[in-house]
Amino acid sequence: MEKDIKTILAECGFSFKKQLGQNFITDKNLLSSIVAASGVGKEVTVIEIGCGAGTLTRALSERVKKVIAFEVDKTLQPVLAQTLSGCTNAEVVFRDFLKVGLKEFEKEQGEYFVVANLPYYVTTPLIMKLIEESEKCKGLSVMVQEEVAERFCAKEGTPEYGAITAMIALRAECEITKRVPRTLFYPRPNVDSAVVKFTFCNRFAVKDKAVYKKVVHAAFSSRRKTLENNLVSAFKLTREKAREVLTACGIDLKARGETLSPERFAALADYMTTAL
């Protein structure tokens, strides 16, 4: 690929669409480091969501067995025809991945990893779709807004810790592998980014995922209220019953949701599954 991305975009008459959160990576060293940090090897299939101008797609194709890149903006077709020229193991699917039925998709698909520079506006729903619905996804390595990355990887007791943190923990361990300044994107966004790696594992099990989810969301439904008050509201418990549940689980009656680790949420959810 002899021409730089800016030249190709200009020649193809491409116009950035702000509503799609289009900020492309052009730095080759950054692209290489993102691929390396993902840990993907030569024999794996990678799903990329929001391939944009195809710079990360190309970098991935040079390292892995196959890349299936999803993109919603069909006006990028002529751009991708140039940037992915010669990448015989890269397939671009012009479709919204959020609207893809994962069960049907995974029937035709072996195990895979997700590596992507995610559009900011779809970050959380995409992550949760994969966390909650996928059966063959082995892990993710995604670029997201730095503030969101901090929430994904937060520890209990910190301001960043929330429902999304505890929900991710049910399926994966995550870590920030790289911080990326806004100056390395074209066009330049208003925020810095970070690459987060999600390693899918059996960190802990729960008896009923739906109850765990309800407990977690209840705990953070009003951060200023105690966990007791939030459980009373969400589960229609008497105050006496809520206190009985918390005491049985060894949780301080004045505790707030953000003080509980995912493991303690799991223990609380399991107790409620059997006791209520």
Foldseek 3Di string as FASTA:
>chain_A
DPDFLVVLCVVLVHDDDVVQQDWAFRDLVVLLVLLVLQVDAAEAEEEEEACHLPPNVQSNLVGYQAYEYEHQDPSSVSSNCPVCVPSPRYHYDNDHPLPDDQVVVCVPPAAHEYEYAHRAVCVLVVLCCCLPPHDRYQKYKYKYFALVLCLCQDFFPDPSDALNNLSLVQFWHKDWDAWAQQVRIVPRDPGTITIMITGTDRNDDAPDSVLLSLLRCLLVVPQVQASLVSCCVSVVDDSVVSVVLCVVLVHPRRHGSSNDGSVSSRVSSRCVVPPD
